[in-house]
Amino acid sequence: MFKILVVDDEPDLRYLLRRVFERAGYEVADCGNGATALETARRSPPDLVVTDMMMPVMGGAELIRKLRADAVTAQIPILAVTGDAHLAVGADAVLAKPWTSQLLLAAVTALMAEKADRT
């Protein structure tokens, strides 16, 4: 089972993302900001990170930079969910807001397939 780390400062959105992914058969962990997500990813690397870009404490752009700079997390695929794709530098894919569950799952499936091809 693939493990997804969801990072968003909006509790309702984290809950929605969790439900979409769990219904699709993924294991899900979630965090409310990039700093907590970085610690979580280093401690227990997920198969994929889905992150918002605009968050307090540590935003998505800084989270992506720090994940890419760490040998433990550098190869984890990252899906940025944002209204401004220019903010998602370093992400493997960007999903524009507003999104649908189908688009979200299609993006995740594509990233997981790419990851499987690399290993």
N, C-alpha and C. Protein backbone atom coordinates (compact mmCIF):
# COMPACT_ATOMS: atom_id res chain seq x y z
N MET A 1 0.84 -1.18 0.00
CA MET A 1 0.00 0.00 0.00
C MET A 1 0.89 1.24 0.00
N PHE A 2 0.58 2.18 -0.88
CA PHE A 2 1.32 3.42 -0.95
C PHE A 2 0.90 4.36 0.17
N LYS A 3 1.88 5.10 0.69
CA LYS A 3 1.63 6.05 1.77
C LYS A 3 1.77 7.47 1.23
N ILE A 4 0.74 8.28 1.46
CA ILE A 4 0.73 9.67 1.01
C ILE A 4 0.77 10.58 2.23
N LEU A 5 1.61 11.60 2.17
CA LEU A 5 1.65 12.63 3.19
C LEU A 5 0.95 13.87 2.64
N VAL A 6 -0.16 14.26 3.27
CA VAL A 6 -0.94 15.42 2.88
C VAL A 6 -0.54 16.58 3.77
N VAL A 7 -0.24 17.73 3.15
CA VAL A 7 0.20 18.91 3.89
C VAL A 7 -0.68 20.10 3.50
N ASP A 8 -1.47 20.56 4.45
CA ASP A 8 -2.33 21.71 4.20
C ASP A 8 -2.72 22.32 5.54
N ASP A 9 -2.80 23.63 5.60
CA ASP A 9 -3.15 24.29 6.86
C ASP A 9 -4.65 24.33 7.13
N GLU A 10 -5.46 23.95 6.17
CA GLU A 10 -6.91 23.93 6.33
C GLU A 10 -7.37 22.55 6.79
N PRO A 11 -7.83 22.40 8.04
CA PRO A 11 -8.23 21.09 8.54
C PRO A 11 -9.32 20.41 7.70
N ASP A 12 -10.28 21.19 7.20
CA ASP A 12 -11.34 20.59 6.39
C ASP A 12 -10.80 20.03 5.08
N LEU A 13 -9.86 20.73 4.48
CA LEU A 13 -9.27 20.25 3.24
C LEU A 13 -8.40 19.01 3.48
N ARG A 14 -7.66 19.02 4.58
CA ARG A 14 -6.87 17.82 4.93
C ARG A 14 -7.79 16.61 5.10
N TYR A 15 -8.91 16.83 5.77
CA TYR A 15 -9.87 15.75 5.97
C TYR A 15 -10.40 15.25 4.62
N LEU A 16 -10.77 16.17 3.74
CA LEU A 16 -11.28 15.79 2.43
C LEU A 16 -10.23 15.01 1.63
N LEU A 17 -9.01 15.50 1.62
CA LEU A 17 -7.94 14.79 0.91
C LEU A 17 -7.71 13.40 1.51
N ARG A 18 -7.70 13.33 2.81
CA ARG A 18 -7.53 12.04 3.48
C ARG A 18 -8.61 11.05 3.03
N ARG A 19 -9.85 11.51 3.03
CA ARG A 19 -10.97 10.63 2.65
C ARG A 19 -10.84 10.17 1.20
N VAL A 20 -10.51 11.08 0.29
CA VAL A 20 -10.35 10.72 -1.12
C VAL A 20 -9.27 9.66 -1.27
N PHE A 21 -8.14 9.88 -0.62
CA PHE A 21 -7.02 8.94 -0.76
C PHE A 21 -7.30 7.61 -0.07
N GLU A 22 -7.88 7.64 1.10
CA GLU A 22 -8.19 6.38 1.81
C GLU A 22 -9.20 5.55 1.03
N ARG A 23 -10.19 6.19 0.46
CA ARG A 23 -11.18 5.47 -0.35
C ARG A 23 -10.53 4.84 -1.59
N ALA A 24 -9.45 5.45 -2.06
CA ALA A 24 -8.73 4.91 -3.22
C ALA A 24 -7.72 3.84 -2.81
N GLY A 25 -7.62 3.57 -1.50
CA GLY A 25 -6.75 2.50 -1.04
C GLY A 25 -5.37 2.91 -0.57
N TYR A 26 -5.15 4.21 -0.41
CA TYR A 26 -3.86 4.69 0.06
C TYR A 26 -3.84 4.82 1.58
N GLU A 27 -2.66 4.65 2.16
CA GLU A 27 -2.44 4.99 3.57
C GLU A 27 -2.13 6.48 3.60
N VAL A 28 -2.66 7.21 4.58
CA VAL A 28 -2.51 8.67 4.59
C VAL A 28 -2.05 9.15 5.95
N ALA A 29 -1.06 10.05 5.92
CA ALA A 29 -0.66 10.83 7.09
C ALA A 29 -0.90 12.29 6.70
N ASP A 30 -1.17 13.15 7.67
CA ASP A 30 -1.37 14.54 7.31
C ASP A 30 -0.74 15.48 8.33
N CYS A 31 -0.38 16.66 7.84
CA CYS A 31 0.25 17.69 8.66
C CYS A 31 -0.34 19.05 8.28
N GLY A 32 -0.32 19.97 9.23
CA GLY A 32 -0.89 21.29 9.02
C GLY A 32 0.07 22.35 8.55
N ASN A 33 1.35 22.02 8.44
CA ASN A 33 2.32 22.99 7.91
C ASN A 33 3.57 22.25 7.43
N GLY A 34 4.40 22.97 6.71
CA GLY A 34 5.59 22.36 6.12
C GLY A 34 6.62 21.89 7.13
N ALA A 35 6.75 22.59 8.25
CA ALA A 35 7.75 22.20 9.26
C ALA A 35 7.42 20.83 9.84
N THR A 36 6.17 20.62 10.20
CA THR A 36 5.75 19.33 10.73
C THR A 36 5.86 18.25 9.66
N ALA A 37 5.51 18.61 8.43
CA ALA A 37 5.60 17.65 7.32
C ALA A 37 7.04 17.22 7.07
N LEU A 38 7.97 18.15 7.16
CA LEU A 38 9.38 17.82 6.96
C LEU A 38 9.86 16.82 8.00
N GLU A 39 9.52 17.06 9.25
CA GLU A 39 9.88 16.12 10.32
C GLU A 39 9.25 14.75 10.08
N THR A 40 7.99 14.75 9.71
CA THR A 40 7.27 13.50 9.46
C THR A 40 7.89 12.73 8.31
N ALA A 41 8.21 13.43 7.22
CA ALA A 41 8.79 12.78 6.04
C ALA A 41 10.18 12.23 6.33
N ARG A 42 10.95 12.92 7.13
CA ARG A 42 12.29 12.43 7.49
C ARG A 42 12.21 11.21 8.39
N ARG A 43 11.24 11.20 9.30
CA ARG A 43 11.08 10.11 10.26
C ARG A 43 10.52 8.85 9.58
N SER A 44 9.55 9.05 8.70
CA SER A 44 8.88 7.93 8.03
C SER A 44 8.56 8.35 6.60
N PRO A 45 9.53 8.21 5.69
CA PRO A 45 9.34 8.72 4.33
C PRO A 45 8.10 8.14 3.64
N PRO A 46 7.23 9.02 3.14
CA PRO A 46 6.06 8.56 2.40
C PRO A 46 6.44 8.23 0.96
N ASP A 47 5.51 7.66 0.23
CA ASP A 47 5.73 7.39 -1.19
C ASP A 47 5.44 8.62 -2.04
N LEU A 48 4.67 9.56 -1.48
CA LEU A 48 4.28 10.76 -2.20
C LEU A 48 3.90 11.84 -1.20
N VAL A 49 4.23 13.09 -1.53
CA VAL A 49 3.80 14.24 -0.73
C VAL A 49 2.84 15.06 -1.59
N VAL A 50 1.69 15.40 -1.02
CA VAL A 50 0.72 16.30 -1.65
C VAL A 50 0.67 17.53 -0.76
N THR A 51 1.10 18.67 -1.30
CA THR A 51 1.21 19.86 -0.46
C THR A 51 0.54 21.09 -1.05
N ASP A 52 -0.07 21.85 -0.16
CA ASP A 52 -0.53 23.19 -0.47
C ASP A 52 0.72 24.06 -0.52
N MET A 53 0.63 25.21 -1.12
CA MET A 53 1.80 26.08 -1.20
C MET A 53 1.77 27.22 -0.18
N MET A 54 0.60 27.72 0.11
CA MET A 54 0.48 28.87 1.01
C MET A 54 0.04 28.38 2.39
N MET A 55 1.01 28.32 3.33
CA MET A 55 0.74 27.87 4.69
C MET A 55 1.59 28.67 5.67
N PRO A 56 1.12 28.80 6.90
CA PRO A 56 1.94 29.46 7.93
C PRO A 56 3.05 28.53 8.40
N VAL A 57 3.96 29.03 9.15
CA VAL A 57 5.11 28.34 9.75
C VAL A 57 6.14 28.00 8.68
N MET A 58 5.79 27.12 7.73
CA MET A 58 6.64 26.82 6.59
C MET A 58 5.72 26.50 5.42
N GLY A 59 5.83 27.29 4.37
CA GLY A 59 4.99 27.09 3.19
C GLY A 59 5.49 25.95 2.31
N GLY A 60 4.72 25.68 1.27
CA GLY A 60 5.04 24.59 0.37
C GLY A 60 6.35 24.75 -0.38
N ALA A 61 6.67 25.97 -0.80
CA ALA A 61 7.91 26.19 -1.55
C ALA A 61 9.13 25.84 -0.70
N GLU A 62 9.13 26.28 0.54
CA GLU A 62 10.26 25.96 1.43
C GLU A 62 10.28 24.47 1.75
N LEU A 63 9.11 23.88 1.95
CA LEU A 63 9.05 22.44 2.20
C LEU A 63 9.65 21.67 1.02
N ILE A 64 9.29 22.04 -0.19
CA ILE A 64 9.82 21.35 -1.37
C ILE A 64 11.34 21.49 -1.42
N ARG A 65 11.84 22.69 -1.20
CA ARG A 65 13.30 22.90 -1.22
C ARG A 65 14.00 22.02 -0.20
N LYS A 66 13.45 21.96 1.01
CA LYS A 66 14.09 21.18 2.08
C LYS A 66 13.96 19.68 1.84
N LEU A 67 12.85 19.23 1.29
CA LEU A 67 12.72 17.81 0.96
C LEU A 67 13.74 17.42 -0.11
N ARG A 68 13.90 18.27 -1.11
CA ARG A 68 14.84 17.98 -2.20
C ARG A 68 16.30 18.03 -1.74
N ALA A 69 16.59 18.80 -0.70
CA ALA A 69 17.95 18.95 -0.21
C ALA A 69 18.38 17.84 0.74
N ASP A 70 17.45 17.02 1.19
CA ASP A 70 17.72 15.96 2.17
C ASP A 70 17.83 14.62 1.45
N ALA A 71 18.91 13.90 1.66
CA ALA A 71 19.12 12.62 0.98
C ALA A 71 18.00 11.62 1.28
N VAL A 72 17.42 11.68 2.45
CA VAL A 72 16.36 10.75 2.84
C VAL A 72 15.07 11.01 2.06
N THR A 73 14.80 12.27 1.72
CA THR A 73 13.52 12.63 1.11
C THR A 73 13.63 13.16 -0.32
N ALA A 74 14.83 13.27 -0.84
CA ALA A 74 15.05 13.93 -2.13
C ALA A 74 14.29 13.30 -3.29
N GLN A 75 14.09 12.00 -3.26
CA GLN A 75 13.47 11.31 -4.38
C GLN A 75 11.96 11.11 -4.24
N ILE A 76 11.36 11.62 -3.17
CA ILE A 76 9.92 11.47 -2.97
C ILE A 76 9.19 12.36 -3.98
N PRO A 77 8.27 11.79 -4.77
CA PRO A 77 7.48 12.63 -5.68
C PRO A 77 6.62 13.62 -4.89
N ILE A 78 6.49 14.82 -5.45
CA ILE A 78 5.73 15.88 -4.80
C ILE A 78 4.69 16.43 -5.76
N LEU A 79 3.44 16.44 -5.29
CA LEU A 79 2.33 17.05 -6.02
C LEU A 79 1.95 18.33 -5.29
N ALA A 80 2.10 19.47 -5.97
CA ALA A 80 1.71 20.75 -5.39
C ALA A 80 0.28 21.06 -5.81
N VAL A 81 -0.56 21.38 -4.84
CA VAL A 81 -1.94 21.76 -5.09
C VAL A 81 -2.03 23.25 -4.79
N THR A 82 -2.23 24.05 -5.84
CA THR A 82 -2.13 25.49 -5.66
C THR A 82 -2.92 26.25 -6.71
N GLY A 83 -3.24 27.47 -6.41
CA GLY A 83 -3.87 28.34 -7.38
C GLY A 83 -2.86 29.07 -8.24
N ASP A 84 -1.58 28.99 -7.88
CA ASP A 84 -0.52 29.68 -8.61
C ASP A 84 0.63 28.72 -8.87
N ALA A 85 0.68 28.17 -10.06
CA ALA A 85 1.70 27.17 -10.41
C ALA A 85 3.12 27.71 -10.30
N HIS A 86 3.30 29.01 -10.40
CA HIS A 86 4.64 29.60 -10.30
C HIS A 86 5.27 29.38 -8.93
N LEU A 87 4.43 29.13 -7.92
CA LEU A 87 4.93 28.91 -6.57
C LEU A 87 5.49 27.51 -6.36
N ALA A 88 5.19 26.61 -7.27
CA ALA A 88 5.48 25.18 -7.08
C ALA A 88 6.81 24.74 -7.67
N VAL A 89 7.80 25.58 -7.62
CA VAL A 89 9.12 25.24 -8.15
C VAL A 89 9.67 24.02 -7.42
N GLY A 90 10.08 23.02 -8.18
CA GLY A 90 10.67 21.81 -7.60
C GLY A 90 9.68 20.67 -7.43
N ALA A 91 8.39 20.95 -7.58
CA ALA A 91 7.39 19.89 -7.47
C ALA A 91 7.42 19.05 -8.75
N ASP A 92 7.07 17.79 -8.64
CA ASP A 92 7.02 16.90 -9.81
C ASP A 92 5.79 17.16 -10.65
N ALA A 93 4.72 17.61 -10.03
CA ALA A 93 3.48 17.91 -10.74
C ALA A 93 2.72 18.98 -9.96
N VAL A 94 1.87 19.69 -10.68
CA VAL A 94 1.07 20.75 -10.08
C VAL A 94 -0.39 20.50 -10.45
N LEU A 95 -1.26 20.59 -9.47
CA LEU A 95 -2.69 20.49 -9.69
C LEU A 95 -3.31 21.82 -9.29
N ALA A 96 -3.95 22.46 -10.26
CA ALA A 96 -4.53 23.78 -10.02
C ALA A 96 -5.81 23.67 -9.21
N LYS A 97 -6.00 24.63 -8.32
CA LYS A 97 -7.25 24.76 -7.59
C LYS A 97 -8.22 25.54 -8.48
N PRO A 98 -9.48 25.24 -8.47
CA PRO A 98 -10.11 24.11 -7.78
C PRO A 98 -9.88 22.81 -8.55
N TRP A 99 -9.83 21.71 -7.86
CA TRP A 99 -9.60 20.41 -8.46
C TRP A 99 -10.78 19.50 -8.17
N THR A 100 -10.82 18.41 -8.91
CA THR A 100 -11.84 17.39 -8.65
C THR A 100 -11.13 16.16 -8.10
N SER A 101 -11.88 15.28 -7.47
CA SER A 101 -11.29 14.04 -6.96
C SER A 101 -10.69 13.23 -8.08
N GLN A 102 -11.33 13.23 -9.24
CA GLN A 102 -10.83 12.46 -10.39
C GLN A 102 -9.48 13.01 -10.86
N LEU A 103 -9.37 14.32 -10.97
CA LEU A 103 -8.10 14.92 -11.38
C LEU A 103 -7.01 14.66 -10.36
N LEU A 104 -7.36 14.77 -9.09
CA LEU A 104 -6.41 14.53 -8.01
C LEU A 104 -5.89 13.10 -8.07
N LEU A 105 -6.78 12.15 -8.17
CA LEU A 105 -6.37 10.73 -8.20
C LEU A 105 -5.59 10.41 -9.47
N ALA A 106 -5.95 11.04 -10.59
CA ALA A 106 -5.20 10.82 -11.83
C ALA A 106 -3.76 11.32 -11.69
N ALA A 107 -3.58 12.48 -11.06
CA ALA A 107 -2.24 13.03 -10.85
C ALA A 107 -1.43 12.13 -9.93
N VAL A 108 -2.05 11.64 -8.87
CA VAL A 108 -1.37 10.75 -7.93
C VAL A 108 -1.00 9.44 -8.60
N THR A 109 -1.91 8.88 -9.36
CA THR A 109 -1.64 7.63 -10.07
C THR A 109 -0.46 7.78 -11.03
N ALA A 110 -0.43 8.89 -11.75
CA ALA A 110 0.67 9.14 -12.69
C ALA A 110 2.00 9.26 -11.95
N LEU A 111 2.02 9.98 -10.84
CA LEU A 111 3.27 10.12 -10.08
C LEU A 111 3.72 8.80 -9.47
N MET A 112 2.79 8.00 -9.00
CA MET A 112 3.14 6.70 -8.42
C MET A 112 3.68 5.78 -9.51
N ALA A 113 3.13 5.84 -10.71
CA ALA A 113 3.62 5.03 -11.83
C ALA A 113 5.02 5.44 -12.21
N GLU A 114 5.28 6.74 -12.24
CA GLU A 114 6.63 7.24 -12.55
C GLU A 114 7.62 6.76 -11.48
N LYS A 115 7.20 6.80 -10.24
CA LYS A 115 8.08 6.36 -9.14
C LYS A 115 8.38 4.87 -9.29
N ALA A 116 7.38 4.06 -9.62
CA ALA A 116 7.56 2.62 -9.78
C ALA A 116 8.52 2.34 -10.95
N ASP A 117 8.43 3.14 -12.01
CA ASP A 117 9.32 2.97 -13.16
C ASP A 117 10.78 3.27 -12.82
N ARG A 118 10.99 4.19 -11.87
CA ARG A 118 12.36 4.56 -11.48
C ARG A 118 13.02 3.53 -10.59
N THR A 119 12.22 2.71 -9.90
CA THR A 119 12.79 1.76 -8.95
C THR A 119 12.92 0.38 -9.52
